Amino acid sequence: MTRLSMVSSDRVIRALKRAGFDFAPKRSRGSQVALTRVDESGRRLLVVVPRRGDLPVGTLLSVLQQADLPKERFLLLVREAIAVSS
């Protein structure tokens, strides 16, 4: 099992965009960003990510649960997003 650590909200948003999420402009307000995606079964997923520095592990786990994304897949997407931005 892979251990999660704090990740910046910008990296979380980039990783979720790589996973197929798009911005939900009517939902994003203030210090939060809303992202949506329709999964394979037709279910619409809505993920709300706080816009601040690093996200605590508990908040990150909540985001992953909302996104229906396993930790290992998320960490791979974060690594890919970092590699692309470097």
PDB file of N, CA and C in Angstrom:
ATOM      1  N   MET A   1       0.841  -1.169   0.000  1.00  0.00           N
ATOM      2  CA  MET A   1       0.000   0.000   0.000  1.00  0.00           C
ATOM      3  C   MET A   1       0.887   1.234   0.000  1.00  0.00           C
ATOM      4  N   THR A   2       0.589   2.168  -0.840  1.00  0.00           N
ATOM      5  CA  THR A   2       1.377   3.381  -0.970  1.00  0.00           C
ATOM      6  C   THR A   2       0.901   4.416   0.038  1.00  0.00           C
ATOM      7  N   ARG A   3       1.863   5.090   0.649  1.00  0.00           N
ATOM      8  CA  ARG A   3       1.536   6.107   1.642  1.00  0.00           C
ATOM      9  C   ARG A   3       1.424   7.471   0.958  1.00  0.00           C
ATOM     10  N   LEU A   4       0.359   8.201   1.283  1.00  0.00           N
ATOM     11  CA  LEU A   4       0.155   9.538   0.732  1.00  0.00           C
ATOM     12  C   LEU A   4       0.802  10.581   1.629  1.00  0.00           C
ATOM     13  N   SER A   5       1.249  11.652   1.026  1.00  0.00           N
ATOM     14  CA  SER A   5       1.721  12.804   1.785  1.00  0.00           C
ATOM     15  C   SER A   5       1.010  14.036   1.239  1.00  0.00           C
ATOM     16  N   MET A   6       1.263  15.179   1.843  1.00  0.00           N
ATOM     17  CA  MET A   6       0.599  16.402   1.401  1.00  0.00           C
ATOM     18  C   MET A   6       1.014  16.739  -0.032  1.00  0.00           C
ATOM     19  N   VAL A   7       0.040  17.162  -0.830  1.00  0.00           N
ATOM     20  CA  VAL A   7       0.260  17.523  -2.232  1.00  0.00           C
ATOM     21  C   VAL A   7      -0.395  18.885  -2.443  1.00  0.00           C
ATOM     22  N   SER A   8       0.210  19.719  -3.272  1.00  0.00           N
ATOM     23  CA  SER A   8      -0.367  21.045  -3.522  1.00  0.00           C
ATOM     24  C   SER A   8      -1.683  20.913  -4.290  1.00  0.00           C
ATOM     25  N   SER A   9      -2.570  21.860  -4.067  1.00  0.00           N
ATOM     26  CA  SER A   9      -3.869  21.816  -4.740  1.00  0.00           C
ATOM     27  C   SER A   9      -3.708  21.935  -6.255  1.00  0.00           C
ATOM     28  N   ASP A  10      -2.709  22.693  -6.714  1.00  0.00           N
ATOM     29  CA  ASP A  10      -2.476  22.807  -8.161  1.00  0.00           C
ATOM     30  C   ASP A  10      -2.111  21.457  -8.775  1.00  0.00           C
ATOM     31  N   ARG A  11      -1.282  20.681  -8.082  1.00  0.00           N
ATOM     32  CA  ARG A  11      -0.910  19.350  -8.593  1.00  0.00           C
ATOM     33  C   ARG A  11      -2.097  18.398  -8.577  1.00  0.00           C
ATOM     34  N   VAL A  12      -2.933  18.509  -7.550  1.00  0.00           N
ATOM     35  CA  VAL A  12      -4.132  17.667  -7.485  1.00  0.00           C
ATOM     36  C   VAL A  12      -5.042  17.984  -8.666  1.00  0.00           C
ATOM     37  N   ILE A  13      -5.235  19.259  -8.949  1.00  0.00           N
ATOM     38  CA  ILE A  13      -6.100  19.662 -10.065  1.00  0.00           C
ATOM     39  C   ILE A  13      -5.522  19.181 -11.391  1.00  0.00           C
ATOM     40  N   ARG A  14      -4.205  19.329 -11.585  1.00  0.00           N
ATOM     41  CA  ARG A  14      -3.570  18.847 -12.823  1.00  0.00           C
ATOM     42  C   ARG A  14      -3.731  17.333 -12.967  1.00  0.00           C
ATOM     43  N   ALA A  15      -3.557  16.593 -11.873  1.00  0.00           N
ATOM     44  CA  ALA A  15      -3.695  15.132 -11.926  1.00  0.00           C
ATOM     45  C   ALA A  15      -5.132  14.740 -12.261  1.00  0.00           C
ATOM     46  N   LEU A  16      -6.103  15.424 -11.671  1.00  0.00           N
ATOM     47  CA  LEU A  16      -7.503  15.112 -11.962  1.00  0.00           C
ATOM     48  C   LEU A  16      -7.849  15.440 -13.412  1.00  0.00           C
ATOM     49  N   LYS A  17      -7.293  16.515 -13.949  1.00  0.00           N
ATOM     50  CA  LYS A  17      -7.521  16.835 -15.363  1.00  0.00           C
ATOM     51  C   LYS A  17      -6.939  15.745 -16.255  1.00  0.00           C
ATOM     52  N   ARG A  18      -5.788  15.182 -15.868  1.00  0.00           N
ATOM     53  CA  ARG A  18      -5.200  14.075 -16.631  1.00  0.00           C
ATOM     54  C   ARG A  18      -6.066  12.817 -16.531  1.00  0.00           C
ATOM     55  N   ALA A  19      -6.849  12.706 -15.463  1.00  0.00           N
ATOM     56  CA  ALA A  19      -7.740  11.558 -15.277  1.00  0.00           C
ATOM     57  C   ALA A  19      -9.069  11.749 -15.999  1.00  0.00           C
ATOM     58  N   GLY A  20      -9.227  12.865 -16.716  1.00  0.00           N
ATOM     59  CA  GLY A  20     -10.436  13.066 -17.504  1.00  0.00           C
ATOM     60  C   GLY A  20     -11.428  14.051 -16.917  1.00  0.00           C
ATOM     61  N   PHE A  21     -11.091  14.707 -15.826  1.00  0.00           N
ATOM     62  CA  PHE A  21     -11.987  15.689 -15.230  1.00  0.00           C
ATOM     63  C   PHE A  21     -11.855  17.023 -15.950  1.00  0.00           C
ATOM     64  N   ASP A  22     -12.970  17.772 -16.005  1.00  0.00           N
ATOM     65  CA  ASP A  22     -12.998  19.113 -16.588  1.00  0.00           C
ATOM     66  C   ASP A  22     -13.548  20.079 -15.549  1.00  0.00           C
ATOM     67  N   PHE A  23     -13.224  21.361 -15.716  1.00  0.00           N
ATOM     68  CA  PHE A  23     -13.731  22.372 -14.796  1.00  0.00           C
ATOM     69  C   PHE A  23     -15.242  22.481 -14.919  1.00  0.00           C
ATOM     70  N   ALA A  24     -15.907  22.679 -13.795  1.00  0.00           N
ATOM     71  CA  ALA A  24     -17.347  22.927 -13.757  1.00  0.00           C
ATOM     72  C   ALA A  24     -17.529  24.397 -13.393  1.00  0.00           C
ATOM     73  N   PRO A  25     -17.564  25.299 -14.389  1.00  0.00           N
ATOM     74  CA  PRO A  25     -17.502  26.737 -14.115  1.00  0.00           C
ATOM     75  C   PRO A  25     -18.630  27.270 -13.242  1.00  0.00           C
ATOM     76  N   LYS A  26     -19.810  26.712 -13.330  1.00  0.00           N
ATOM     77  CA  LYS A  26     -20.925  27.221 -12.529  1.00  0.00           C
ATOM     78  C   LYS A  26     -20.846  26.754 -11.081  1.00  0.00           C
ATOM     79  N   ARG A  27     -19.981  25.797 -10.804  1.00  0.00           N
ATOM     80  CA  ARG A  27     -19.864  25.253  -9.455  1.00  0.00           C
ATOM     81  C   ARG A  27     -18.709  25.847  -8.662  1.00  0.00           C
ATOM     82  N   SER A  28     -17.682  26.335  -9.336  1.00  0.00           N
ATOM     83  CA  SER A  28     -16.487  26.832  -8.650  1.00  0.00           C
ATOM     84  C   SER A  28     -16.755  28.216  -8.079  1.00  0.00           C
ATOM     85  N   ARG A  29     -16.447  28.349  -6.797  1.00  0.00           N
ATOM     86  CA  ARG A  29     -16.647  29.637  -6.138  1.00  0.00           C
ATOM     87  C   ARG A  29     -15.515  29.875  -5.152  1.00  0.00           C
ATOM     88  N   GLY A  30     -15.038  31.105  -5.124  1.00  0.00           N
ATOM     89  CA  GLY A  30     -14.080  31.506  -4.104  1.00  0.00           C
ATOM     90  C   GLY A  30     -12.827  30.660  -4.082  1.00  0.00           C
ATOM     91  N   SER A  31     -12.591  30.015  -2.966  1.00  0.00           N
ATOM     92  CA  SER A  31     -11.344  29.281  -2.781  1.00  0.00           C
ATOM     93  C   SER A  31     -11.484  27.799  -3.097  1.00  0.00           C
ATOM     94  N   GLN A  32     -12.501  27.424  -3.873  1.00  0.00           N
ATOM     95  CA  GLN A  32     -12.693  26.025  -4.246  1.00  0.00           C
ATOM     96  C   GLN A  32     -12.844  25.898  -5.754  1.00  0.00           C
ATOM     97  N   VAL A  33     -12.369  24.765  -6.273  1.00  0.00           N
ATOM     98  CA  VAL A  33     -12.499  24.469  -7.698  1.00  0.00           C
ATOM     99  C   VAL A  33     -13.310  23.189  -7.824  1.00  0.00           C
ATOM    100  N   ALA A  34     -14.323  23.207  -8.670  1.00  0.00           N
ATOM    101  CA  ALA A  34     -15.143  22.026  -8.908  1.00  0.00           C
ATOM    102  C   ALA A  34     -14.768  21.429 -10.259  1.00  0.00           C
ATOM    103  N   LEU A  35     -14.614  20.114 -10.282  1.00  0.00           N
ATOM    104  CA  LEU A  35     -14.277  19.380 -11.504  1.00  0.00           C
ATOM    105  C   LEU A  35     -15.304  18.268 -11.685  1.00  0.00           C
ATOM    106  N   THR A  36     -15.678  17.982 -12.936  1.00  0.00           N
ATOM    107  CA  THR A  36     -16.652  16.927 -13.205  1.00  0.00           C
ATOM    108  C   THR A  36     -16.124  15.958 -14.253  1.00  0.00           C
ATOM    109  N   ARG A  37     -16.695  14.761 -14.213  1.00  0.00           N
ATOM    110  CA  ARG A  37     -16.381  13.731 -15.205  1.00  0.00           C
ATOM    111  C   ARG A  37     -17.520  12.724 -15.196  1.00  0.00           C
ATOM    112  N   VAL A  38     -17.810  12.152 -16.338  1.00  0.00           N
ATOM    113  CA  VAL A  38     -18.793  11.076 -16.431  1.00  0.00           C
ATOM    114  C   VAL A  38     -18.016   9.774 -16.533  1.00  0.00           C
ATOM    115  N   ASP A  39     -18.276   8.837 -15.610  1.00  0.00           N
ATOM    116  CA  ASP A  39     -17.520   7.581 -15.624  1.00  0.00           C
ATOM    117  C   ASP A  39     -18.119   6.589 -16.616  1.00  0.00           C
ATOM    118  N   GLU A  40     -17.548   5.394 -16.654  1.00  0.00           N
ATOM    119  CA  GLU A  40     -17.933   4.375 -17.648  1.00  0.00           C
ATOM    120  C   GLU A  40     -19.396   3.974 -17.540  1.00  0.00           C
ATOM    121  N   SER A  41     -19.956   4.016 -16.332  1.00  0.00           N
ATOM    122  CA  SER A  41     -21.343   3.594 -16.140  1.00  0.00           C
ATOM    123  C   SER A  41     -22.341   4.733 -16.359  1.00  0.00           C
ATOM    124  N   GLY A  42     -21.848   5.913 -16.747  1.00  0.00           N
ATOM    125  CA  GLY A  42     -22.721   7.045 -16.994  1.00  0.00           C
ATOM    126  C   GLY A  42     -22.962   7.910 -15.772  1.00  0.00           C
ATOM    127  N   ARG A  43     -22.321   7.583 -14.676  1.00  0.00           N
ATOM    128  CA  ARG A  43     -22.479   8.343 -13.435  1.00  0.00           C
ATOM    129  C   ARG A  43     -21.626   9.609 -13.499  1.00  0.00           C
ATOM    130  N   ARG A  44     -22.210  10.751 -13.133  1.00  0.00           N
ATOM    131  CA  ARG A  44     -21.479  12.028 -13.136  1.00  0.00           C
ATOM    132  C   ARG A  44     -20.789  12.191 -11.784  1.00  0.00           C
ATOM    133  N   LEU A  45     -19.468  12.376 -11.840  1.00  0.00           N
ATOM    134  CA  LEU A  45     -18.680  12.575 -10.628  1.00  0.00           C
ATOM    135  C   LEU A  45     -18.369  14.056 -10.478  1.00  0.00           C
ATOM    136  N   LEU A  46     -18.580  14.590  -9.292  1.00  0.00           N
ATOM    137  CA  LEU A  46     -18.254  15.978  -8.981  1.00  0.00           C
ATOM    138  C   LEU A  46     -17.225  15.970  -7.861  1.00  0.00           C
ATOM    139  N   VAL A  47     -16.101  16.623  -8.092  1.00  0.00           N
ATOM    140  CA  VAL A  47     -15.020  16.695  -7.114  1.00  0.00           C
ATOM    141  C   VAL A  47     -14.759  18.160  -6.808  1.00  0.00           C
ATOM    142  N   VAL A  48     -14.722  18.493  -5.522  1.00  0.00           N
ATOM    143  CA  VAL A  48     -14.433  19.858  -5.092  1.00  0.00           C
ATOM    144  C   VAL A  48     -13.060  19.864  -4.435  1.00  0.00           C
ATOM    145  N   VAL A  49     -12.152  20.682  -4.981  1.00  0.00           N
ATOM    146  CA  VAL A  49     -10.778  20.764  -4.482  1.00  0.00           C
ATOM    147  C   VAL A  49     -10.558  22.154  -3.892  1.00  0.00           C
ATOM    148  N   PRO A  50     -10.157  22.239  -2.622  1.00  0.00           N
ATOM    149  CA  PRO A  50      -9.851  23.553  -2.042  1.00  0.00           C
ATOM    150  C   PRO A  50      -8.627  24.161  -2.716  1.00  0.00           C
ATOM    151  N   ARG A  51      -8.674  25.463  -3.010  1.00  0.00           N
ATOM    152  CA  ARG A  51      -7.534  26.171  -3.613  1.00  0.00           C
ATOM    153  C   ARG A  51      -6.733  26.818  -2.495  1.00  0.00           C
ATOM    154  N   ARG A  52      -5.720  26.141  -2.048  1.00  0.00           N
ATOM    155  CA  ARG A  52      -4.785  26.690  -1.069  1.00  0.00           C
ATOM    156  C   ARG A  52      -3.487  25.954  -1.261  1.00  0.00           C
ATOM    157  N   GLY A  53      -2.540  26.136  -0.400  1.00  0.00           N
ATOM    158  CA  GLY A  53      -1.233  25.501  -0.561  1.00  0.00           C
ATOM    159  C   GLY A  53      -1.331  23.987  -0.630  1.00  0.00           C
ATOM    160  N   ASP A  54      -0.698  23.321   0.289  1.00  0.00           N
ATOM    161  CA  ASP A  54      -0.723  21.859   0.322  1.00  0.00           C
ATOM    162  C   ASP A  54      -2.002  21.368   0.990  1.00  0.00           C
ATOM    163  N   LEU A  55      -2.564  20.297   0.433  1.00  0.00           N
ATOM    164  CA  LEU A  55      -3.763  19.702   1.011  1.00  0.00           C
ATOM    165  C   LEU A  55      -3.359  18.666   2.049  1.00  0.00           C
ATOM    166  N   PRO A  56      -3.955  18.699   3.235  1.00  0.00           N
ATOM    167  CA  PRO A  56      -3.680  17.665   4.228  1.00  0.00           C
ATOM    168  C   PRO A  56      -4.104  16.295   3.699  1.00  0.00           C
ATOM    169  N   VAL A  57      -3.526  15.246   4.262  1.00  0.00           N
ATOM    170  CA  VAL A  57      -3.783  13.886   3.779  1.00  0.00           C
ATOM    171  C   VAL A  57      -5.268  13.542   3.864  1.00  0.00           C
ATOM    172  N   GLY A  58      -5.944  13.934   4.931  1.00  0.00           N
ATOM    173  CA  GLY A  58      -7.371  13.639   5.074  1.00  0.00           C
ATOM    174  C   GLY A  58      -8.203  14.282   3.977  1.00  0.00           C
ATOM    175  N   THR A  59      -7.891  15.519   3.640  1.00  0.00           N
ATOM    176  CA  THR A  59      -8.592  16.219   2.560  1.00  0.00           C
ATOM    177  C   THR A  59      -8.300  15.551   1.223  1.00  0.00           C
ATOM    178  N   LEU A  60      -7.058  15.163   1.029  1.00  0.00           N
ATOM    179  CA  LEU A  60      -6.663  14.487  -0.206  1.00  0.00           C
ATOM    180  C   LEU A  60      -7.406  13.158  -0.358  1.00  0.00           C
ATOM    181  N   LEU A  61      -7.524  12.406   0.727  1.00  0.00           N
ATOM    182  CA  LEU A  61      -8.267  11.138   0.680  1.00  0.00           C
ATOM    183  C   LEU A  61      -9.738  11.380   0.348  1.00  0.00           C
ATOM    184  N   SER A  62     -10.306  12.456   0.863  1.00  0.00           N
ATOM    185  CA  SER A  62     -11.692  12.795   0.555  1.00  0.00           C
ATOM    186  C   SER A  62     -11.861  13.125  -0.928  1.00  0.00           C
ATOM    187  N   VAL A  63     -10.910  13.867  -1.487  1.00  0.00           N
ATOM    188  CA  VAL A  63     -10.943  14.201  -2.915  1.00  0.00           C
ATOM    189  C   VAL A  63     -10.853  12.926  -3.749  1.00  0.00           C
ATOM    190  N   LEU A  64      -9.963  12.014  -3.369  1.00  0.00           N
ATOM    191  CA  LEU A  64      -9.814  10.760  -4.116  1.00  0.00           C
ATOM    192  C   LEU A  64     -11.077   9.916  -4.033  1.00  0.00           C
ATOM    193  N   GLN A  65     -11.737   9.933  -2.880  1.00  0.00           N
ATOM    194  CA  GLN A  65     -12.982   9.187  -2.731  1.00  0.00           C
ATOM    195  C   GLN A  65     -14.067   9.793  -3.626  1.00  0.00           C
ATOM    196  N   GLN A  66     -14.169  11.122  -3.651  1.00  0.00           N
ATOM    197  CA  GLN A  66     -15.141  11.787  -4.524  1.00  0.00           C
ATOM    198  C   GLN A  66     -14.868  11.461  -5.991  1.00  0.00           C
ATOM    199  N   ALA A  67     -13.580  11.374  -6.348  1.00  0.00           N
ATOM    200  CA  ALA A  67     -13.189  11.140  -7.740  1.00  0.00           C
ATOM    201  C   ALA A  67     -13.239   9.666  -8.115  1.00  0.00           C
ATOM    202  N   ASP A  68     -13.490   8.798  -7.131  1.00  0.00           N
ATOM    203  CA  ASP A  68     -13.500   7.348  -7.363  1.00  0.00           C
ATOM    204  C   ASP A  68     -12.182   6.915  -8.007  1.00  0.00           C
ATOM    205  N   LEU A  69     -11.069   7.387  -7.419  1.00  0.00           N
ATOM    206  CA  LEU A  69      -9.732   7.180  -7.966  1.00  0.00           C
ATOM    207  C   LEU A  69      -8.859   6.485  -6.923  1.00  0.00           C
ATOM    208  N   PRO A  70      -8.257   5.335  -7.256  1.00  0.00           N
ATOM    209  CA  PRO A  70      -7.354   4.665  -6.312  1.00  0.00           C
ATOM    210  C   PRO A  70      -6.093   5.492  -6.068  1.00  0.00           C
ATOM    211  N   LYS A  71      -5.525   5.338  -4.870  1.00  0.00           N
ATOM    212  CA  LYS A  71      -4.325   6.105  -4.511  1.00  0.00           C
ATOM    213  C   LYS A  71      -3.189   5.881  -5.497  1.00  0.00           C
ATOM    214  N   GLU A  72      -2.962   4.630  -5.893  1.00  0.00           N
ATOM    215  CA  GLU A  72      -1.844   4.317  -6.784  1.00  0.00           C
ATOM    216  C   GLU A  72      -2.001   5.023  -8.131  1.00  0.00           C
ATOM    217  N   ARG A  73      -3.212   5.015  -8.666  1.00  0.00           N
ATOM    218  CA  ARG A  73      -3.481   5.693  -9.950  1.00  0.00           C
ATOM    219  C   ARG A  73      -3.275   7.199  -9.802  1.00  0.00           C
ATOM    220  N   PHE A  74      -3.741   7.766  -8.687  1.00  0.00           N
ATOM    221  CA  PHE A  74      -3.574   9.197  -8.455  1.00  0.00           C
ATOM    222  C   PHE A  74      -2.096   9.570  -8.382  1.00  0.00           C
ATOM    223  N   LEU A  75      -1.306   8.794  -7.650  1.00  0.00           N
ATOM    224  CA  LEU A  75       0.123   9.096  -7.528  1.00  0.00           C
ATOM    225  C   LEU A  75       0.817   9.021  -8.883  1.00  0.00           C
ATOM    226  N   LEU A  76       0.417   8.073  -9.718  1.00  0.00           N
ATOM    227  CA  LEU A  76       0.969   7.979 -11.071  1.00  0.00           C
ATOM    228  C   LEU A  76       0.615   9.233 -11.877  1.00  0.00           C
ATOM    229  N   LEU A  77      -0.626   9.691 -11.773  1.00  0.00           N
ATOM    230  CA  LEU A  77      -1.051  10.900 -12.488  1.00  0.00           C
ATOM    231  C   LEU A  77      -0.305  12.135 -11.993  1.00  0.00           C
ATOM    232  N   VAL A  78      -0.040  12.212 -10.686  1.00  0.00           N
ATOM    233  CA  VAL A  78       0.714  13.346 -10.137  1.00  0.00           C
ATOM    234  C   VAL A  78       2.132  13.333 -10.687  1.00  0.00           C
ATOM    235  N   ARG A  79       2.755  12.158 -10.711  1.00  0.00           N
ATOM    236  CA  ARG A  79       4.120  12.054 -11.253  1.00  0.00           C
ATOM    237  C   ARG A  79       4.155  12.465 -12.722  1.00  0.00           C
ATOM    238  N   GLU A  80       3.161  12.030 -13.505  1.00  0.00           N
ATOM    239  CA  GLU A  80       3.093  12.406 -14.919  1.00  0.00           C
ATOM    240  C   GLU A  80       2.899  13.915 -15.075  1.00  0.00           C
ATOM    241  N   ALA A  81       2.052  14.504 -14.240  1.00  0.00           N
ATOM    242  CA  ALA A  81       1.805  15.944 -14.318  1.00  0.00           C
ATOM    243  C   ALA A  81       3.062  16.726 -13.970  1.00  0.00           C
ATOM    244  N   ILE A  82       3.832  16.233 -13.005  1.00  0.00           N
ATOM    245  CA  ILE A  82       5.083  16.896 -12.630  1.00  0.00           C
ATOM    246  C   ILE A  82       6.082  16.787 -13.770  1.00  0.00           C
ATOM    247  N   ALA A  83       6.176  15.605 -14.394  1.00  0.00           N
ATOM    248  CA  ALA A  83       7.128  15.392 -15.485  1.00  0.00           C
ATOM    249  C   ALA A  83       6.801  16.289 -16.681  1.00  0.00           C
ATOM    250  N   VAL A  84       5.523  16.456 -16.972  1.00  0.00           N
ATOM    251  CA  VAL A  84       5.113  17.279 -18.108  1.00  0.00           C
ATOM    252  C   VAL A  84       5.401  18.753 -17.836  1.00  0.00           C
ATOM    253  N   SER A  85       5.192  19.203 -16.595  1.00  0.00           N
ATOM    254  CA  SER A  85       5.394  20.621 -16.278  1.00  0.00           C
ATOM    255  C   SER A  85       6.863  20.979 -16.094  1.00  0.00           C
ATOM    256  N   SER A  86       7.727  19.986 -15.949  1.00  0.00           N
ATOM    257  CA  SER A  86       9.164  20.263 -15.745  1.00  0.00           C
ATOM    258  C   SER A  86       9.876  20.571 -17.033  1.00  0.00           C
TER     259      SER A  86
END
